[in-house]
Amino acid sequence: MLSIIIVNFKNPALLRLSLKSLNHVLKDDFKKEIIVIDVNSGPGTRNVVTEEFPDVKIFPFKENIGFTRGVNEGIKRSSGDFILLLNADLIPLPGSIEDMYDFMRTHPEIGIIGPKLLNFDGSHQDSCFRFPTPLTLIYRRTFLGRLPFARKHLDRFLMRDADRTKALEVDWLFGSPIMISQAGIEKIGLMDERFFLYLSDIDWPKRFWENGFKVVYYPSAKMYHYHLRHSKGRYGLLDFILRKESRWHFLDALKYFKKYGFSK
């Protein structure tokens, strides 16, 4: 069985669309459970689930517990042999979730798998990456990223040199949607809750690789994604002062490089 976990933050309209899309694309006989972890929970979201999707399990949290803990709370309440983390801003194409599930079941060496992401005009979205260095974050957040040497660095980080039309072993994948084996979680452990919102989706694959599991980009499965980088504003380093999302990203990055080293 597959456990689908959606961490929702104050967006009942988007959650409704996500749950409707799952009802539309998943086959009736596909065994699954859908779990909503509702962060900063309000009556609007709870009403959407309880009144319109009675088969969906919802667990409300009054405070903002962050993405990482939200994922862990969902996993603790799940019963599937595989877990799919699915943000509410994703719409899977028919058959994609079942395809990923079947592929993982026949490849036990894979701990994490992720689909190809598409913009709503059908164009490609970056979703598989090499591990970052401190320079990666600097180049992505400042004017330095426009310089030729920085562009070369970022193209490598974004795996622009890889053939992304085929299944690839990658360092890490965009944190949602990813499918994870319960066997891997039992060996590796849950997401590291020292990361509040960001970089836990980089730390987790690194730990999977270190423990003998593969991380795979699987473009045969496709999902539409309304992509908005909340951590990136318009003012470069000033965003650290002006936007809490940028501060969260910066602090989580410090924790990540403190854990793995600043020289990498």
Protein backbone atom coordinates (compact mmCIF):
# COMPACT_ATOMS: atom_id res chain seq x y z
CA MET A 1 0.00 0.00 0.00
CA LEU A 2 1.06 3.57 -0.67
CA SER A 3 0.73 6.33 1.94
CA ILE A 4 0.36 9.78 0.35
CA ILE A 5 1.32 12.60 2.73
CA ILE A 6 0.39 16.21 2.05
CA VAL A 7 1.76 18.91 4.35
CA ASN A 8 -0.65 21.83 4.00
CA PHE A 9 -0.08 25.40 5.16
CA LYS A 10 -3.08 27.76 5.12
CA ASN A 11 -4.31 26.96 1.61
CA PRO A 12 -7.64 25.11 1.61
CA ALA A 13 -8.38 25.99 -2.04
CA LEU A 14 -5.12 24.46 -3.29
CA LEU A 15 -5.58 21.44 -1.04
CA ARG A 16 -9.08 20.88 -2.48
CA LEU A 17 -7.63 20.94 -6.01
CA SER A 18 -4.88 18.51 -5.02
CA LEU A 19 -7.28 16.02 -3.44
CA LYS A 20 -9.65 16.25 -6.42
CA SER A 21 -6.77 15.56 -8.80
CA LEU A 22 -5.77 12.48 -6.79
CA ASN A 23 -9.32 11.15 -7.00
CA HIS A 24 -9.21 11.71 -10.76
CA VAL A 25 -5.80 10.21 -11.60
CA LEU A 26 -5.57 7.24 -9.21
CA LYS A 27 -7.25 3.98 -10.15
CA ASP A 28 -10.06 2.91 -7.84
CA ASP A 29 -8.40 -0.43 -7.05
CA PHE A 30 -5.01 1.11 -6.21
CA LYS A 31 -4.38 0.60 -2.50
CA LYS A 32 -3.54 3.88 -0.82
CA GLU A 33 -4.20 6.12 2.13
CA ILE A 34 -4.09 9.92 2.01
CA ILE A 35 -2.86 11.81 5.06
CA VAL A 36 -3.04 15.61 5.41
CA ILE A 37 -0.81 17.26 8.00
CA ASP A 38 -2.42 20.67 8.44
CA VAL A 39 0.13 23.22 9.71
CA ASN A 40 -1.23 26.38 11.39
CA SER A 41 -4.55 24.63 11.05
CA GLY A 42 -7.75 26.59 10.51
CA PRO A 43 -11.42 25.59 10.16
CA GLY A 44 -11.40 26.23 6.40
CA THR A 45 -8.92 23.45 5.70
CA ARG A 46 -10.47 21.05 8.18
CA ASN A 47 -13.91 21.60 6.62
CA VAL A 48 -12.58 20.92 3.12
CA VAL A 49 -11.27 17.54 4.20
CA THR A 50 -14.01 16.37 6.54
CA GLU A 51 -16.94 17.53 4.36
CA GLU A 52 -15.62 16.82 0.85
CA PHE A 53 -13.07 14.01 1.29
CA PRO A 54 -14.21 11.84 4.21
CA ASP A 55 -11.73 9.05 3.34
CA VAL A 56 -8.77 11.39 3.83
CA LYS A 57 -7.12 11.44 7.25
CA ILE A 58 -6.34 14.93 8.58
CA PHE A 59 -4.12 15.76 11.54
CA PRO A 60 -4.24 19.45 12.53
CA PHE A 61 -1.43 21.34 14.28
CA LYS A 62 -2.23 24.77 15.67
CA GLU A 63 1.37 26.03 15.43
CA ASN A 64 3.66 26.25 12.42
CA ILE A 65 5.68 23.07 12.94
CA GLY A 66 7.52 23.47 9.62
CA PHE A 67 7.79 21.19 6.59
CA THR A 68 10.32 18.77 8.05
CA ARG A 69 8.42 17.95 11.21
CA GLY A 70 5.18 17.93 9.22
CA VAL A 71 6.59 15.18 6.98
CA ASN A 72 7.76 13.19 10.00
CA GLU A 73 4.38 13.47 11.71
CA GLY A 74 2.77 12.12 8.54
CA ILE A 75 5.19 9.21 8.30
CA LYS A 76 4.57 8.29 11.95
CA ARG A 77 0.86 8.03 11.18
CA SER A 78 1.27 6.08 7.92
CA SER A 79 0.92 2.37 7.30
CA GLY A 80 2.10 1.97 3.69
CA ASP A 81 5.21 0.14 2.55
CA PHE A 82 6.02 3.23 0.47
CA ILE A 83 5.49 6.92 1.20
CA LEU A 84 4.72 9.66 -1.34
CA LEU A 85 5.35 13.23 -0.24
CA LEU A 86 3.07 15.41 -2.32
CA ASN A 87 2.74 19.16 -1.95
CA ALA A 88 -0.70 20.57 -2.68
CA ASP A 89 0.69 22.52 -5.66
CA LEU A 90 1.34 19.33 -7.65
CA ILE A 91 -0.98 17.59 -10.12
CA PRO A 92 0.14 14.10 -11.17
CA LEU A 93 -0.54 12.82 -14.67
CA PRO A 94 -2.71 9.69 -14.78
CA GLY A 95 -0.71 6.54 -14.08
CA SER A 96 2.39 8.36 -12.82
CA ILE A 97 1.99 7.52 -9.13
CA GLU A 98 1.24 3.86 -9.86
CA ASP A 99 4.24 3.75 -12.23
CA MET A 100 6.61 5.08 -9.55
CA TYR A 101 5.18 2.66 -7.01
CA ASP A 102 5.59 -0.38 -9.29
CA PHE A 103 9.13 0.68 -10.23
CA MET A 104 10.17 0.97 -6.58
CA ARG A 105 8.62 -2.37 -5.68
CA THR A 106 10.75 -4.10 -8.33
CA HIS A 107 13.94 -2.16 -7.46
CA PRO A 108 14.52 -2.56 -3.69
CA GLU A 109 17.94 -0.90 -4.00
CA ILE A 110 16.15 2.44 -4.56
CA GLY A 111 15.37 4.40 -1.41
CA ILE A 112 14.00 7.58 -3.01
CA ILE A 113 12.50 8.23 -6.43
CA GLY A 114 11.11 11.39 -8.01
CA PRO A 115 9.20 12.15 -11.24
CA LYS A 116 9.75 14.67 -13.99
CA LEU A 117 8.19 18.03 -13.11
CA LEU A 118 6.45 20.18 -15.70
CA ASN A 119 5.28 23.77 -15.83
CA PHE A 120 1.65 24.14 -16.82
CA ASP A 121 2.71 25.02 -20.38
CA GLY A 122 4.40 21.62 -20.60
CA SER A 123 7.98 22.91 -20.31
CA HIS A 124 10.58 21.16 -18.14
CA GLN A 125 11.20 22.13 -14.52
CA ASP A 126 14.48 21.39 -12.73
CA SER A 127 13.93 18.75 -10.04
CA CYS A 128 17.13 16.67 -9.82
CA PHE A 129 20.41 18.08 -8.58
CA ARG A 130 23.98 17.53 -7.44
CA PHE A 131 24.80 18.30 -3.83
CA PRO A 132 25.35 22.03 -3.21
CA THR A 133 28.36 23.84 -1.81
CA PRO A 134 28.21 27.17 0.05
CA LEU A 135 29.05 28.85 -3.27
CA THR A 136 25.95 27.30 -4.84
CA LEU A 137 23.69 29.17 -2.41
CA ILE A 138 25.62 32.42 -2.84
CA TYR A 139 25.43 32.24 -6.64
CA ARG A 140 21.71 31.42 -6.57
CA ARG A 141 20.87 34.32 -4.26
CA THR A 142 23.08 37.16 -5.52
CA PHE A 143 24.09 39.00 -8.70
CA LEU A 144 27.20 36.81 -8.82
CA GLY A 145 25.04 34.07 -10.31
CA ARG A 146 24.98 35.99 -13.63
CA LEU A 147 28.74 35.74 -14.09
CA PRO A 148 30.12 33.07 -16.50
CA PHE A 149 32.01 31.04 -13.88
CA ALA A 150 28.95 31.05 -11.62
CA ARG A 151 26.66 29.99 -14.48
CA LYS A 152 28.97 27.04 -15.16
CA HIS A 153 28.83 26.08 -11.48
CA LEU A 154 25.02 26.36 -11.37
CA ASP A 155 24.56 24.41 -14.61
CA ARG A 156 26.48 21.55 -13.04
CA PHE A 157 24.40 21.82 -9.84
CA LEU A 158 21.22 21.69 -11.96
CA MET A 159 22.55 18.68 -13.92
CA ARG A 160 22.17 20.49 -17.24
CA ASP A 161 24.89 18.17 -18.62
CA ALA A 162 22.82 15.02 -17.95
CA ASP A 163 20.30 13.32 -20.22
CA ARG A 164 17.17 13.93 -18.19
CA THR A 165 14.97 12.03 -20.64
CA LYS A 166 16.18 8.79 -19.00
CA ALA A 167 16.14 7.43 -15.46
CA LEU A 168 19.18 8.77 -13.60
CA GLU A 169 20.93 8.17 -10.33
CA VAL A 170 21.13 11.66 -8.79
CA ASP A 171 22.42 13.24 -5.59
CA TRP A 172 19.03 14.56 -4.51
CA LEU A 173 15.56 15.46 -5.72
CA PHE A 174 13.14 18.30 -5.17
CA GLY A 175 11.62 17.48 -1.77
CA SER A 176 8.07 17.02 -2.97
CA PRO A 177 7.10 14.94 -4.85
CA ILE A 178 9.33 12.09 -3.80
CA MET A 179 8.46 8.47 -3.06
CA ILE A 180 10.39 6.78 -0.26
CA SER A 181 10.60 3.14 0.77
CA GLN A 182 9.50 2.37 4.30
CA ALA A 183 12.40 -0.11 4.48
CA GLY A 184 14.78 2.77 3.82
CA ILE A 185 13.15 4.96 6.45
CA GLU A 186 13.42 2.17 9.01
CA LYS A 187 17.18 1.99 8.36
CA ILE A 188 17.97 5.68 7.81
CA GLY A 189 15.47 7.33 10.14
CA LEU A 190 13.08 10.23 9.66
CA MET A 191 13.95 13.65 8.29
CA ASP A 192 16.33 15.66 10.48
CA GLU A 193 14.12 18.10 12.39
CA ARG A 194 17.01 20.47 12.99
CA PHE A 195 16.03 21.74 9.53
CA PHE A 196 12.81 23.70 9.90
CA LEU A 197 11.75 24.15 6.29
CA TYR A 198 14.68 23.87 3.88
CA LEU A 199 17.57 21.48 3.06
CA SER A 200 16.05 18.51 4.86
CA ASP A 201 15.29 17.31 1.32
CA ILE A 202 19.05 17.42 0.61
CA ASP A 203 20.16 15.95 3.94
CA TRP A 204 17.81 12.95 3.68
CA PRO A 205 19.04 11.70 0.24
CA LYS A 206 22.64 12.15 1.40
CA ARG A 207 21.89 9.83 4.32
CA PHE A 208 20.17 7.34 2.00
CA TRP A 209 23.25 7.25 -0.26
CA GLU A 210 25.54 6.84 2.76
CA ASN A 211 23.51 3.80 3.83
CA GLY A 212 23.52 1.97 0.49
CA PHE A 213 20.26 3.16 -1.07
CA LYS A 214 19.99 4.83 -4.47
CA VAL A 215 18.22 8.10 -5.28
CA VAL A 216 16.67 8.05 -8.75
CA TYR A 217 15.12 10.61 -11.10
CA TYR A 218 12.36 8.79 -13.01
CA PRO A 219 11.04 10.89 -15.91
CA SER A 220 8.56 8.26 -17.12
CA ALA A 221 6.36 9.57 -14.30
CA LYS A 222 5.30 13.20 -14.71
CA MET A 223 3.59 15.83 -12.58
CA TYR A 224 2.59 19.43 -13.13
CA HIS A 225 3.99 21.80 -10.52
CA TYR A 226 3.06 25.37 -9.70
CA HIS A 227 6.57 26.39 -8.67
CA LEU A 228 7.16 29.40 -6.43
CA ARG A 229 10.50 29.76 -4.62
CA HIS A 230 9.38 31.21 -1.31
CA SER A 231 12.95 31.48 -0.04
CA LYS A 232 14.06 33.68 -2.95
CA GLY A 233 12.94 37.30 -3.03
CA ARG A 234 13.96 40.25 -5.20
CA TYR A 235 16.63 41.89 -3.07
CA GLY A 236 19.49 39.41 -2.84
CA LEU A 237 21.17 39.40 0.55
CA LEU A 238 18.72 42.03 1.83
CA ASP A 239 16.06 39.34 1.74
CA PHE A 240 17.62 37.99 4.93
CA ILE A 241 16.40 41.14 6.68
CA LEU A 242 13.13 41.62 4.82
CA ARG A 243 11.69 38.09 4.49
CA LYS A 244 11.31 35.36 7.11
CA GLU A 245 11.45 32.63 4.43
CA SER A 246 14.91 33.86 3.42
CA ARG A 247 16.02 33.81 7.06
CA TRP A 248 14.73 30.25 7.48
CA HIS A 249 16.60 29.21 4.33
CA PHE A 250 19.83 30.86 5.49
CA LEU A 251 19.65 29.32 8.97
CA ASP A 252 18.85 25.86 7.62
CA ALA A 253 21.78 26.20 5.19
CA LEU A 254 24.10 27.01 8.09
CA LYS A 255 22.92 23.89 9.88
CA TYR A 256 23.45 21.79 6.76
CA PHE A 257 27.01 22.94 6.12
CA LYS A 258 27.86 22.75 9.81
CA LYS A 259 26.74 19.11 9.66
CA TYR A 260 28.61 18.19 6.47
CA GLY A 261 31.40 20.78 6.29
CA PHE A 262 31.74 24.18 4.65
CA SER A 263 34.57 23.13 2.33
CA LYS A 264 32.43 20.78 0.19
